[in-house]
Amino acid sequence: MSEVDPRLLEMLVCPLTKTRLVYNKEAQELVSDVAGLAYPIRQGIPIMLVDEARRLEADPAPNRQPVASDH
């Protein structure tokens, strides 16, 4: 499993809602709670395409950490 550059994670937002993402390290996903989507991270590269995102269930996933942002 490739690590994602933390500086990259800080810059990314949901392409649909333009809101902050939450990094789920265990699932290797960037989660948009507003859109109800989880964008996959493959080989350390976030796939920020709505068509590639997974729809979230009603309950939030465990082990998610907010992506740090100084904006």
N, C-alpha and C. Protein backbone atom coordinates (compact mmCIF):
# COMPACT_ATOMS: atom_id res chain seq x y z
N MET A 1 0.85 -1.18 0.00
CA MET A 1 0.00 0.00 0.00
C MET A 1 0.90 1.24 0.00
N SER A 2 0.69 2.10 -0.96
CA SER A 2 1.48 3.32 -1.07
C SER A 2 0.93 4.40 -0.17
N GLU A 3 1.82 5.19 0.40
CA GLU A 3 1.41 6.32 1.23
C GLU A 3 1.06 7.51 0.34
N VAL A 4 0.09 8.29 0.80
CA VAL A 4 -0.32 9.49 0.09
C VAL A 4 0.40 10.68 0.72
N ASP A 5 0.89 11.57 -0.10
CA ASP A 5 1.58 12.76 0.37
C ASP A 5 0.60 13.62 1.18
N PRO A 6 0.87 13.87 2.46
CA PRO A 6 -0.04 14.66 3.29
C PRO A 6 -0.30 16.06 2.75
N ARG A 7 0.68 16.64 2.07
CA ARG A 7 0.49 17.98 1.48
C ARG A 7 -0.56 17.94 0.37
N LEU A 8 -0.58 16.85 -0.38
CA LEU A 8 -1.58 16.68 -1.42
C LEU A 8 -2.97 16.57 -0.81
N LEU A 9 -3.09 15.79 0.27
CA LEU A 9 -4.38 15.61 0.92
C LEU A 9 -4.95 16.93 1.44
N GLU A 10 -4.08 17.80 1.89
CA GLU A 10 -4.54 19.10 2.40
C GLU A 10 -5.14 19.98 1.31
N MET A 11 -4.73 19.78 0.07
CA MET A 11 -5.19 20.62 -1.03
C MET A 11 -6.48 20.12 -1.68
N LEU A 12 -6.76 18.83 -1.54
CA LEU A 12 -7.89 18.25 -2.24
C LEU A 12 -9.22 18.57 -1.59
N VAL A 13 -10.23 18.78 -2.41
CA VAL A 13 -11.61 18.94 -1.96
C VAL A 13 -12.48 18.05 -2.83
N CYS A 14 -13.70 17.82 -2.40
CA CYS A 14 -14.65 17.02 -3.17
C CYS A 14 -14.91 17.74 -4.50
N PRO A 15 -14.76 17.05 -5.63
CA PRO A 15 -14.99 17.70 -6.91
C PRO A 15 -16.47 18.04 -7.15
N LEU A 16 -17.36 17.39 -6.44
CA LEU A 16 -18.78 17.64 -6.59
C LEU A 16 -19.26 18.81 -5.75
N THR A 17 -18.85 18.84 -4.47
CA THR A 17 -19.36 19.85 -3.53
C THR A 17 -18.34 20.91 -3.16
N LYS A 18 -17.07 20.69 -3.50
CA LYS A 18 -15.96 21.60 -3.15
C LYS A 18 -15.78 21.73 -1.63
N THR A 19 -16.17 20.71 -0.89
CA THR A 19 -16.03 20.70 0.57
C THR A 19 -14.87 19.82 0.99
N ARG A 20 -14.49 19.97 2.24
CA ARG A 20 -13.36 19.26 2.84
C ARG A 20 -13.59 17.74 2.81
N LEU A 21 -12.50 17.02 2.66
CA LEU A 21 -12.53 15.57 2.65
C LEU A 21 -11.96 15.01 3.95
N VAL A 22 -12.34 13.78 4.26
CA VAL A 22 -11.83 13.08 5.43
C VAL A 22 -11.06 11.86 4.93
N TYR A 23 -9.83 11.71 5.39
CA TYR A 23 -8.98 10.60 4.97
C TYR A 23 -9.27 9.36 5.81
N ASN A 24 -9.67 8.28 5.15
CA ASN A 24 -9.85 6.98 5.80
C ASN A 24 -8.65 6.13 5.40
N LYS A 25 -7.63 6.12 6.27
CA LYS A 25 -6.38 5.44 5.96
C LYS A 25 -6.58 3.93 5.78
N GLU A 26 -7.38 3.34 6.65
CA GLU A 26 -7.62 1.89 6.60
C GLU A 26 -8.25 1.46 5.27
N ALA A 27 -9.25 2.21 4.82
CA ALA A 27 -9.95 1.89 3.57
C ALA A 27 -9.28 2.50 2.35
N GLN A 28 -8.27 3.36 2.57
CA GLN A 28 -7.59 4.08 1.48
C GLN A 28 -8.61 4.83 0.62
N GLU A 29 -9.37 5.72 1.31
CA GLU A 29 -10.38 6.53 0.65
C GLU A 29 -10.35 7.96 1.19
N LEU A 30 -10.80 8.89 0.38
CA LEU A 30 -11.07 10.25 0.81
C LEU A 30 -12.58 10.41 0.80
N VAL A 31 -13.14 10.74 1.95
CA VAL A 31 -14.58 10.73 2.13
C VAL A 31 -15.14 12.15 2.14
N SER A 32 -16.20 12.33 1.37
CA SER A 32 -16.96 13.57 1.38
C SER A 32 -18.30 13.27 2.06
N ASP A 33 -18.41 13.69 3.32
CA ASP A 33 -19.66 13.47 4.05
C ASP A 33 -20.81 14.25 3.43
N VAL A 34 -20.52 15.43 2.89
CA VAL A 34 -21.55 16.28 2.28
C VAL A 34 -22.14 15.59 1.04
N ALA A 35 -21.29 15.05 0.19
CA ALA A 35 -21.75 14.38 -1.03
C ALA A 35 -22.17 12.94 -0.79
N GLY A 36 -21.73 12.37 0.35
CA GLY A 36 -22.02 10.96 0.62
C GLY A 36 -21.24 10.03 -0.28
N LEU A 37 -19.99 10.43 -0.60
CA LEU A 37 -19.15 9.66 -1.50
C LEU A 37 -17.77 9.42 -0.88
N ALA A 38 -17.16 8.31 -1.28
CA ALA A 38 -15.79 8.00 -0.87
C ALA A 38 -14.97 7.79 -2.13
N TYR A 39 -13.94 8.62 -2.30
CA TYR A 39 -13.07 8.56 -3.47
C TYR A 39 -11.91 7.62 -3.16
N PRO A 40 -11.65 6.64 -4.03
CA PRO A 40 -10.58 5.67 -3.75
C PRO A 40 -9.20 6.27 -3.92
N ILE A 41 -8.26 5.68 -3.21
CA ILE A 41 -6.84 6.01 -3.37
C ILE A 41 -6.19 4.73 -3.88
N ARG A 42 -5.62 4.79 -5.07
CA ARG A 42 -5.01 3.60 -5.68
C ARG A 42 -3.53 3.85 -5.89
N GLN A 43 -2.71 2.99 -5.31
CA GLN A 43 -1.26 3.09 -5.41
C GLN A 43 -0.77 4.48 -5.01
N GLY A 44 -1.41 5.04 -3.97
CA GLY A 44 -1.01 6.34 -3.45
C GLY A 44 -1.56 7.53 -4.20
N ILE A 45 -2.42 7.29 -5.20
CA ILE A 45 -2.98 8.38 -6.01
C ILE A 45 -4.48 8.48 -5.77
N PRO A 46 -4.96 9.62 -5.25
CA PRO A 46 -6.40 9.82 -5.08
C PRO A 46 -7.09 9.90 -6.45
N ILE A 47 -8.15 9.13 -6.60
CA ILE A 47 -8.94 9.13 -7.84
C ILE A 47 -10.16 10.02 -7.59
N MET A 48 -10.07 11.25 -8.04
CA MET A 48 -11.07 12.27 -7.72
C MET A 48 -12.15 12.40 -8.80
N LEU A 49 -12.67 11.27 -9.22
CA LEU A 49 -13.73 11.23 -10.22
C LEU A 49 -15.02 10.74 -9.57
N VAL A 50 -16.10 11.48 -9.74
CA VAL A 50 -17.39 11.11 -9.13
C VAL A 50 -17.80 9.72 -9.60
N ASP A 51 -17.55 9.40 -10.86
CA ASP A 51 -17.92 8.08 -11.40
C ASP A 51 -17.16 6.93 -10.75
N GLU A 52 -16.00 7.22 -10.17
CA GLU A 52 -15.19 6.19 -9.50
C GLU A 52 -15.48 6.11 -8.00
N ALA A 53 -16.22 7.06 -7.46
CA ALA A 53 -16.47 7.13 -6.02
C ALA A 53 -17.50 6.09 -5.59
N ARG A 54 -17.37 5.68 -4.33
CA ARG A 54 -18.30 4.73 -3.71
C ARG A 54 -19.33 5.52 -2.91
N ARG A 55 -20.60 5.15 -3.05
CA ARG A 55 -21.65 5.78 -2.24
C ARG A 55 -21.53 5.30 -0.80
N LEU A 56 -21.69 6.22 0.15
CA LEU A 56 -21.59 5.89 1.57
C LEU A 56 -22.90 5.37 2.11
N GLU A 57 -22.79 4.50 3.10
CA GLU A 57 -23.96 4.07 3.86
C GLU A 57 -24.34 5.18 4.82
N ALA A 58 -25.46 5.02 5.51
CA ALA A 58 -25.94 6.05 6.44
C ALA A 58 -24.99 6.25 7.62
N ASP A 59 -24.34 5.18 8.09
CA ASP A 59 -23.45 5.27 9.25
C ASP A 59 -22.05 5.65 8.79
N PRO A 60 -21.40 6.61 9.49
CA PRO A 60 -20.04 6.99 9.12
C PRO A 60 -19.07 5.84 9.36
N ALA A 61 -18.06 5.75 8.50
CA ALA A 61 -17.05 4.70 8.62
C ALA A 61 -16.13 4.98 9.80
N PRO A 62 -15.65 3.93 10.47
CA PRO A 62 -14.69 4.12 11.57
C PRO A 62 -13.31 4.47 11.04
N ASN A 63 -12.45 4.94 11.93
CA ASN A 63 -11.04 5.20 11.64
C ASN A 63 -10.81 6.29 10.60
N ARG A 64 -11.67 7.27 10.53
CA ARG A 64 -11.47 8.36 9.60
C ARG A 64 -10.88 9.54 10.34
N GLN A 65 -9.97 10.23 9.68
CA GLN A 65 -9.33 11.39 10.26
C GLN A 65 -9.54 12.57 9.35
N PRO A 66 -9.92 13.73 9.89
CA PRO A 66 -10.03 14.92 9.04
C PRO A 66 -8.68 15.25 8.42
N VAL A 67 -8.71 15.68 7.20
CA VAL A 67 -7.49 16.13 6.53
C VAL A 67 -7.15 17.50 7.07
N ALA A 68 -5.92 17.66 7.53
CA ALA A 68 -5.50 18.94 8.11
C ALA A 68 -5.56 20.04 7.06
N SER A 69 -5.98 21.19 7.49
CA SER A 69 -6.05 22.31 6.57
C SER A 69 -5.79 23.59 7.34
N ASP A 70 -5.07 24.49 6.72
CA ASP A 70 -4.82 25.76 7.40
C ASP A 70 -5.51 26.89 6.64
N HIS A 71 -6.61 26.57 5.93
CA HIS A 71 -7.39 27.57 5.18
C HIS A 71 -8.49 28.13 6.03
